[in-house]
Protein backbone atom coordinates (compact mmCIF):
# COMPACT_ATOMS: atom_id res chain seq x y z
CA UNK A 1 16.20 2.50 2.27
CA UNK A 2 14.71 5.86 3.61
CA UNK A 3 16.04 8.88 5.46
CA UNK A 4 13.32 9.84 7.91
CA UNK A 5 15.58 11.89 9.83
CA UNK A 6 16.61 14.02 6.94
CA UNK A 7 12.86 14.53 6.01
CA UNK A 8 11.96 15.40 9.46
CA UNK A 9 14.73 18.10 9.59
CA UNK A 10 13.28 19.91 6.77
CA UNK A 11 9.85 20.33 8.27
CA UNK A 12 11.06 20.34 11.94
CA UNK A 13 9.63 23.63 13.10
CA UNK A 14 6.09 22.82 11.79
CA UNK A 15 6.15 19.14 13.14
CA UNK A 16 7.57 20.40 16.62
CA UNK A 17 4.90 22.99 16.82
CA UNK A 18 2.27 20.32 15.92
CA UNK A 19 3.36 18.19 18.48
CA UNK A 20 3.54 20.85 21.06
CA UNK A 21 0.01 22.01 20.41
CA UNK A 22 -1.27 18.40 21.16
CA UNK A 23 0.58 18.28 24.50
CA UNK A 24 -0.62 21.67 25.62
CA UNK A 25 -4.30 20.54 24.62
CA UNK A 26 -3.75 17.08 26.30
CA UNK A 27 -6.31 15.83 24.06
CA UNK A 28 -4.32 12.63 23.07
CA UNK A 29 -7.19 10.43 21.80
CA UNK A 30 -9.91 11.68 19.31
CA UNK A 31 -8.62 15.26 19.62
CA UNK A 32 -9.37 18.14 17.02
CA UNK A 33 -6.26 16.99 14.82
CA UNK A 34 -7.75 13.97 14.22
CA UNK A 35 -11.07 15.38 12.64
CA UNK A 36 -9.13 17.90 10.88
CA UNK A 37 -6.69 15.40 9.29
CA UNK A 38 -9.60 13.25 8.08
CA UNK A 39 -11.22 16.21 6.64
CA UNK A 40 -8.07 17.24 4.79
CA UNK A 41 -7.14 13.83 3.52
CA UNK A 42 -10.77 13.37 2.28
CA UNK A 43 -10.28 16.76 0.18
CA UNK A 44 -6.87 15.59 -1.11
CA UNK A 45 -8.31 12.21 -2.00
CA UNK A 46 -11.60 13.53 -3.64
CA UNK A 47 -13.49 11.10 -1.42
CA UNK A 48 -16.60 11.57 0.73
CA UNK A 49 -15.44 9.72 3.97
CA UNK A 50 -12.07 9.15 5.45
CA UNK A 51 -12.13 7.08 8.81
CA UNK A 52 -8.66 7.27 10.54
CA UNK A 53 -7.60 4.18 12.36
CA UNK A 54 -4.47 2.75 14.22
CA UNK A 55 -2.78 1.04 11.40
CA UNK A 56 -3.08 -0.09 7.71
CA UNK A 57 -3.80 -3.93 8.79
CA UNK A 58 -6.67 -2.76 11.12
CA UNK A 59 -7.90 -0.47 8.10
CA UNK A 60 -8.14 -3.60 5.96
CA UNK A 61 -9.87 -5.82 8.69
CA UNK A 62 -12.39 -2.95 9.55
CA UNK A 63 -13.29 -2.64 5.86
CA UNK A 64 -13.90 -6.42 5.61
CA UNK A 65 -15.94 -6.09 8.80
CA UNK A 66 -18.05 -3.32 7.24
CA UNK A 67 -19.29 -5.68 4.39
CA UNK A 68 -20.69 -8.11 7.06
CA UNK A 69 -19.47 -11.07 5.49
CA UNK A 70 -19.99 -14.60 6.79
CA UNK A 71 -17.37 -17.09 7.76
CA UNK A 72 -16.35 -19.30 4.77
CA UNK A 73 -17.13 -16.57 2.39
CA UNK A 74 -14.29 -16.16 -0.20
CA UNK A 75 -12.19 -13.17 -1.07
CA UNK A 76 -10.07 -12.84 -4.01
CA UNK A 77 -6.53 -11.25 -3.59
CA UNK A 78 -2.76 -11.31 -4.66
CA UNK A 79 -0.13 -13.69 -3.18
CA UNK A 80 2.60 -11.22 -4.03
CA UNK A 81 2.04 -8.45 -1.03
CA UNK A 82 2.75 -7.87 2.40
CA UNK A 83 1.07 -10.60 4.84
CA UNK A 84 -1.75 -8.20 6.14
CA UNK A 85 -3.70 -8.57 2.92
CA UNK A 86 -4.30 -12.14 3.52
CA UNK A 87 -3.98 -12.18 7.35
CA UNK A 88 -6.89 -10.13 8.00
CA UNK A 89 -9.12 -12.50 5.73
CA UNK A 90 -8.26 -15.41 7.72
CA UNK A 91 -8.63 -13.74 11.11
CA UNK A 92 -12.16 -13.16 10.07
CA UNK A 93 -12.71 -16.69 9.23
CA UNK A 94 -13.03 -15.87 5.59
CA UNK A 95 -11.31 -17.96 2.86
CA UNK A 96 -8.47 -16.16 0.73
CA UNK A 97 -8.40 -17.19 -3.00
CA UNK A 98 -5.09 -16.18 -4.33
CA UNK A 99 -4.76 -15.16 -7.84
CA UNK A 100 -1.39 -14.72 -9.59
CA UNK A 101 -0.01 -11.22 -10.61
CA UNK A 102 1.24 -9.77 -13.87
CA UNK A 103 4.91 -9.94 -14.37
CA UNK A 104 5.44 -6.25 -15.25
CA UNK A 105 3.40 -4.42 -12.77
CA UNK A 106 3.33 -6.97 -10.14
CA UNK A 107 -0.42 -6.41 -9.47
CA UNK A 108 -3.34 -8.73 -9.73
CA UNK A 109 -3.75 -10.36 -13.19
CA UNK A 110 -7.67 -9.59 -13.96
CA UNK A 111 -7.70 -12.28 -16.61
CA UNK A 112 -7.41 -14.80 -13.91
CA UNK A 113 -10.41 -13.72 -11.90
CA UNK A 114 -13.12 -15.65 -13.73
CA UNK A 115 -11.36 -19.09 -12.95
CA UNK A 116 -10.94 -18.02 -9.24
CA UNK A 117 -14.82 -17.26 -9.07
CA UNK A 118 -17.14 -19.48 -6.98
CA UNK A 119 -20.63 -19.43 -5.50
CA UNK A 120 -18.93 -18.31 -2.21
CA UNK A 121 -17.03 -15.48 -3.77
CA UNK A 122 -17.94 -12.13 -2.00
CA UNK A 123 -15.17 -9.54 -2.63
CA UNK A 124 -12.04 -8.79 -4.44
CA UNK A 125 -8.95 -7.04 -2.62
CA UNK A 126 -6.59 -5.59 -5.35
CA UNK A 127 -3.34 -4.44 -3.91
CA UNK A 128 -1.80 -1.49 -5.47
CA UNK A 129 1.89 -2.68 -5.19
CA UNK A 130 5.04 -0.33 -4.86
CA UNK A 131 3.23 2.54 -5.99
CA UNK A 132 0.89 2.22 -8.91
CA UNK A 133 -2.71 1.15 -9.40
CA UNK A 134 -3.78 -2.42 -10.38
CA UNK A 135 -6.17 -2.40 -13.52
CA UNK A 136 -9.27 -1.17 -11.89
CA UNK A 137 -11.36 -0.88 -14.84
CA UNK A 138 -11.31 -4.59 -15.44
CA UNK A 139 -11.57 -5.51 -11.85
CA UNK A 140 -14.42 -3.09 -11.06
CA UNK A 141 -16.38 -4.31 -14.29
CA UNK A 142 -15.71 -7.99 -13.26
CA UNK A 143 -17.00 -7.23 -9.69
CA UNK A 144 -20.11 -5.31 -11.02
CA UNK A 145 -21.07 -8.25 -13.26
CA UNK A 146 -20.67 -10.78 -10.68
CA UNK A 147 -22.24 -8.60 -7.72
CA UNK A 148 -18.90 -8.63 -5.68
CA UNK A 149 -17.54 -5.86 -3.38
CA UNK A 150 -13.83 -4.36 -4.06
CA UNK A 151 -11.76 -3.32 -1.28
CA UNK A 152 -8.48 -1.61 -2.45
CA UNK A 153 -5.22 -2.37 -0.63
CA UNK A 154 -3.79 1.06 -1.05
CA UNK A 155 -1.04 0.95 1.57
CA UNK A 156 1.67 1.57 -1.02
CA UNK A 157 0.07 3.93 -3.50
CA UNK A 158 -1.39 6.77 -1.53
CA UNK A 159 -1.74 9.75 -3.85
CA UNK A 160 -1.39 7.91 -7.04
CA UNK A 161 -3.70 8.58 -9.87
CA UNK A 162 -5.76 6.16 -11.68
CA UNK A 163 -6.30 7.30 -15.24
CA UNK A 164 -9.46 5.49 -16.77
CA UNK A 165 -9.57 5.63 -20.73
CA UNK A 166 -11.60 8.51 -21.63
CA UNK A 167 -12.26 9.39 -17.95
CA UNK A 168 -11.54 11.43 -15.18
CA UNK A 169 -8.54 10.65 -12.82
CA UNK A 170 -9.24 9.41 -9.41
CA UNK A 171 -7.19 8.76 -6.43
CA UNK A 172 -6.15 5.20 -5.83
CA UNK A 173 -8.17 3.82 -2.83
CA UNK A 174 -11.39 5.84 -4.02
CA UNK A 175 -12.49 3.60 -6.75
CA UNK A 176 -13.82 0.47 -4.86
CA UNK A 177 -16.60 0.13 -2.27
CA UNK A 178 -13.95 0.82 0.31
CA UNK A 179 -10.21 1.85 0.32
CA UNK A 180 -7.38 1.55 2.65
CA UNK A 181 -3.97 2.85 3.62
CA UNK A 182 -1.23 2.69 5.92
CA UNK A 183 0.75 5.63 7.42
CA UNK A 184 3.53 3.24 8.53
CA UNK A 185 6.71 5.74 8.70
CA UNK A 186 8.34 4.63 5.46
CA UNK A 187 5.23 5.12 3.35
CA UNK A 188 4.78 8.30 1.32
CA UNK A 189 2.73 9.79 3.97
CA UNK A 190 4.37 8.49 7.04
CA UNK A 191 3.58 9.00 10.34
CA UNK A 192 5.87 8.78 13.53
CA UNK A 193 4.61 5.54 14.45
CA UNK A 194 1.59 3.46 13.12
CA UNK A 195 -1.51 4.82 11.60
CA UNK A 196 -4.01 3.87 8.89
CA UNK A 197 -7.17 5.14 7.09
CA UNK A 198 -10.24 3.84 5.29
CA UNK A 199 -11.98 5.67 2.40
CA UNK A 200 -15.31 5.53 1.09
CA UNK A 201 -18.00 7.25 -0.89
CA UNK A 202 -20.63 5.11 0.44
CA UNK A 203 -22.45 6.56 3.44
CA UNK A 204 -23.51 3.34 5.03
CA UNK A 205 -19.96 1.93 4.97
CA UNK A 206 -18.56 5.09 6.28
CA UNK A 207 -20.75 5.06 9.37
CA UNK A 208 -19.97 1.47 9.75
CA UNK A 209 -16.30 1.83 9.61
CA UNK A 210 -16.39 4.84 11.75
CA UNK A 211 -18.24 2.87 14.43
CA UNK A 212 -16.12 -0.31 14.22
CA UNK A 213 -12.87 1.28 14.76
CA UNK A 214 -14.27 2.87 17.91
CA UNK A 215 -15.59 -0.40 19.60
CA UNK A 216 -18.90 -0.54 17.60
CA UNK A 217 -20.01 2.64 19.20
CA UNK A 218 -22.78 4.59 17.54
CA UNK A 219 -22.85 7.17 20.36
CA UNK A 220 -21.13 7.31 23.66
CA UNK A 221 -21.83 3.90 25.33
CA UNK A 222 -24.24 2.60 22.88
CA UNK A 223 -23.04 -0.20 20.90
CA UNK A 224 -24.82 -1.36 17.70
CA UNK A 225 -21.91 -3.52 16.34
CA UNK A 226 -19.08 -5.76 17.57
CA UNK A 227 -16.18 -3.63 16.84
CA UNK A 228 -12.52 -3.04 17.58
CA UNK A 229 -10.42 -0.25 19.41
CA UNK A 230 -8.13 1.11 16.43
CA UNK A 231 -8.04 4.92 16.81
CA UNK A 232 -5.50 7.20 15.31
CA UNK A 233 -4.15 9.12 18.19
CA UNK A 234 -3.91 12.77 18.04
CA UNK A 235 -0.21 13.23 18.10
CA UNK A 236 -0.03 11.27 14.94
CA UNK A 237 -2.87 13.02 13.23
CA UNK A 238 -1.13 16.49 14.03
CA UNK A 239 2.18 15.09 12.55
CA UNK A 240 0.25 13.61 9.34
CA UNK A 241 -1.57 17.13 8.90
CA UNK A 242 1.84 18.59 8.47
CA UNK A 243 3.21 16.09 6.05
CA UNK A 244 0.17 15.85 3.93
CA UNK A 245 0.91 19.28 2.89
CA UNK A 246 4.32 18.31 1.25
CA UNK A 247 2.86 14.94 -0.02
CA UNK A 248 2.71 16.20 -3.69
CA UNK A 249 6.28 17.33 -3.48
CA UNK A 250 7.44 14.09 -1.72
CA UNK A 251 6.05 12.41 -4.91
CA UNK A 252 7.69 14.54 -7.15
CA UNK A 253 11.08 13.81 -5.66
CA UNK A 254 10.40 10.03 -5.53
CA UNK A 255 9.58 10.13 -9.44
CA UNK A 256 12.53 12.24 -10.19
CA UNK A 257 15.01 9.61 -8.35
CA UNK A 258 12.98 6.93 -10.29
CA UNK A 259 13.68 8.68 -13.79
CA UNK A 260 17.34 8.84 -12.78
CA UNK A 261 17.47 5.03 -12.02
CA UNK A 262 15.54 4.50 -15.28
CA UNK A 263 18.06 6.33 -17.50
CA UNK A 264 20.95 4.88 -15.90
CA UNK A 265 20.10 1.23 -15.43
CA UNK A 266 17.71 0.37 -18.13
CA UNK A 267 20.41 -0.98 -20.49
CA UNK A 268 22.08 -3.24 -18.03
CA UNK A 269 22.13 -6.90 -19.17
CA UNK A 270 19.26 -9.19 -17.60
CA UNK A 271 17.74 -6.11 -15.48
CA UNK A 272 14.19 -5.07 -15.92
CA UNK A 273 13.24 -1.42 -14.58
CA UNK A 274 10.02 -0.83 -13.14
CA UNK A 275 7.08 -0.88 -15.52
CA UNK A 276 4.69 2.24 -15.74
CA UNK A 277 1.04 1.36 -16.47
CA UNK A 278 -0.78 3.69 -19.00
CA UNK A 279 -3.66 3.81 -16.58
CA UNK A 280 -1.97 4.87 -13.46
CA UNK A 281 0.85 7.48 -12.26
CA UNK A 282 3.49 5.96 -10.22
CA UNK A 283 4.57 7.40 -6.82
CA UNK A 284 7.48 4.91 -6.17
CA UNK A 285 6.95 3.65 -2.53
CA UNK A 286 9.64 1.24 -4.01
CA UNK A 287 12.05 1.33 -7.00
CA UNK A 288 12.10 -2.46 -7.66
CA UNK A 289 14.28 -4.26 -10.37
CA UNK A 290 14.04 -7.58 -11.60
CA UNK A 291 17.41 -9.32 -12.03
CA UNK A 292 18.67 -12.71 -12.84
CA UNK A 293 17.83 -14.96 -9.84
CA UNK A 294 21.32 -16.38 -10.19
CA UNK A 295 22.85 -12.96 -9.51
CA UNK A 296 20.50 -11.45 -6.86
CA UNK A 297 22.22 -12.54 -3.52
CA UNK A 298 25.70 -11.90 -4.99
CA UNK A 299 24.55 -8.36 -5.95
CA UNK A 300 22.78 -7.55 -2.66
CA UNK A 301 26.30 -8.45 -0.88
CA UNK A 302 27.99 -6.40 -3.52
CA UNK A 303 25.90 -3.51 -2.75
CA UNK A 304 26.11 -4.23 1.13
CA UNK A 305 29.81 -4.02 0.68
CA UNK A 306 29.76 -0.57 -1.04
CA UNK A 307 27.51 0.84 1.64
CA UNK A 308 24.45 0.53 -0.23
CA UNK A 309 21.24 -0.97 1.20
CA UNK A 310 18.81 -3.12 -0.61
CA UNK A 311 15.68 -4.99 0.16
CA UNK A 312 13.80 -8.05 -1.37
CA UNK A 313 10.05 -7.18 -1.37
CA UNK A 314 8.98 -10.24 -1.08
CA UNK A 315 11.05 -13.15 -0.48
CA UNK A 316 8.40 -15.45 -0.54
CA UNK A 317 4.70 -15.65 -1.98
CA UNK A 318 2.06 -16.07 0.55
CA UNK A 319 0.87 -19.49 -0.61
CA UNK A 320 4.15 -20.87 0.28
CA UNK A 321 4.42 -19.49 3.91
CA UNK A 322 3.83 -22.02 6.56
CA UNK A 323 0.85 -20.28 8.21
CA UNK A 324 -1.03 -20.55 4.68
CA UNK A 325 0.01 -23.84 3.59
CA UNK A 326 -3.70 -25.13 4.39
CA UNK A 327 -4.92 -23.20 1.40
CA UNK A 328 -3.76 -26.12 -0.75
CA UNK A 329 -1.58 -24.30 -3.07
CA UNK A 330 2.05 -25.44 -3.71
CA UNK A 331 5.19 -24.67 -5.46
CA UNK A 332 4.26 -24.21 -9.17
CA UNK A 333 0.66 -23.21 -8.77
CA UNK A 334 1.31 -19.30 -8.84
CA UNK A 335 4.23 -19.14 -11.11
CA UNK A 336 4.59 -15.55 -11.69
CA UNK A 337 4.57 -14.63 -8.14
CA UNK A 338 7.00 -17.38 -7.26
CA UNK A 339 9.35 -16.21 -10.04
CA UNK A 340 9.22 -12.65 -9.01
CA UNK A 341 10.04 -13.51 -5.63
CA UNK A 342 13.33 -14.98 -7.01
CA UNK A 343 14.05 -11.94 -9.25
CA UNK A 344 12.83 -8.51 -7.34
CA UNK A 345 15.31 -6.31 -5.83
CA UNK A 346 14.32 -2.73 -4.41
CA UNK A 347 16.88 0.26 -4.25
CA UNK A 348 17.08 2.85 -1.98
CA UNK A 349 13.93 5.20 -2.84
CA UNK A 350 13.00 8.16 -0.49
CA UNK A 351 12.40 11.93 -0.71
CA UNK A 352 16.07 12.91 0.42
CA UNK A 353 17.95 11.08 -2.17
CA UNK A 354 20.56 13.55 -3.58
CA UNK A 355 22.12 13.42 -7.02
CA UNK A 356 25.63 12.27 -5.61
CA UNK A 357 24.01 9.40 -4.01
CA UNK A 358 21.90 8.51 -6.99
CA UNK A 359 25.13 8.64 -9.09
CA UNK A 360 27.07 6.28 -6.66
CA UNK A 361 24.26 3.93 -6.38
CA UNK A 362 23.87 3.67 -10.20
CA UNK A 363 27.72 3.61 -10.86
CA UNK A 364 28.10 0.65 -8.51
CA UNK A 365 25.21 -1.15 -10.26
CA UNK A 366 26.48 -0.54 -13.75
CA UNK A 367 29.95 -1.80 -12.52
CA UNK A 368 28.78 -5.07 -11.01
CA UNK A 369 26.73 -5.98 -14.48
CA UNK A 370 29.67 -4.80 -16.60
CA UNK A 371 32.29 -6.43 -14.74
């Protein structure tokens, strides 16, 4: 699904030098590369504060902690996402309220927010799934009217642009009160291990998040908050500094591969290629088709037999997972998410896809659907 080795070989000298520089300095925790990476990523994102942390899950948890919510407070989010989005809400003894998604973008449906609102609602966590933004204009307006916080789960859309009607483009993850991302190796900006970051333009949230990721420390051995230990180590920061210089090119290569898939697969019977929103660019963390449920498993097997990997993101919506059955939702309650889980299939999507690979993948898909 990804070719991390091929990507590494193209920047091997720069990455190796960066790693060696950290080893020579022996500043493995909170070294200069961490500070420089935070500054450089802040500049790239056009945001005032970037707080690096241990992983994308911690970024979400710390962002919620920064809001100082109370046990029992409700947080609206999506059921069609990776588990971290809901997991951190529950870990903080908050109550996730799941709202169904749109069938074309897979992102939270803003028209359903009103019915999810209660007197305990405090925040919304929209997920920018697979590489493009949720409808942030509608979500932010709803949050403003109802006095809610917004935390963007931007683990899959780092670098995507939100394009408000008549406004100035802004990076996904910089629109709400806080935004989060992940540097998991397969992400568009991937580390050689785990990593994450929090974004905010709010000075107070920035200070709280920076303290919370470092044990709640304000200054050395002085603790004003109960925090966690979630620091991006210097080796990962040094590698990410190198890869950040190539991020826009990585996006371009993914978009070119997606365009190839679109051209060759859009006429297949029963197949829907990814939708592009008018208000967002798409960086294609995943290229996800919708296929007839009756054909998906057989198609996956066909591709596997031809040496082509594929993945189902996600095989089951969060409200039907065993750990979250106590939310009181059952089959049929969130029908769009449930239907998507039966239809979605992601194809190989990464920066090293070559024309002959794309041709082979497309040819095999066309042969399957035309046979």
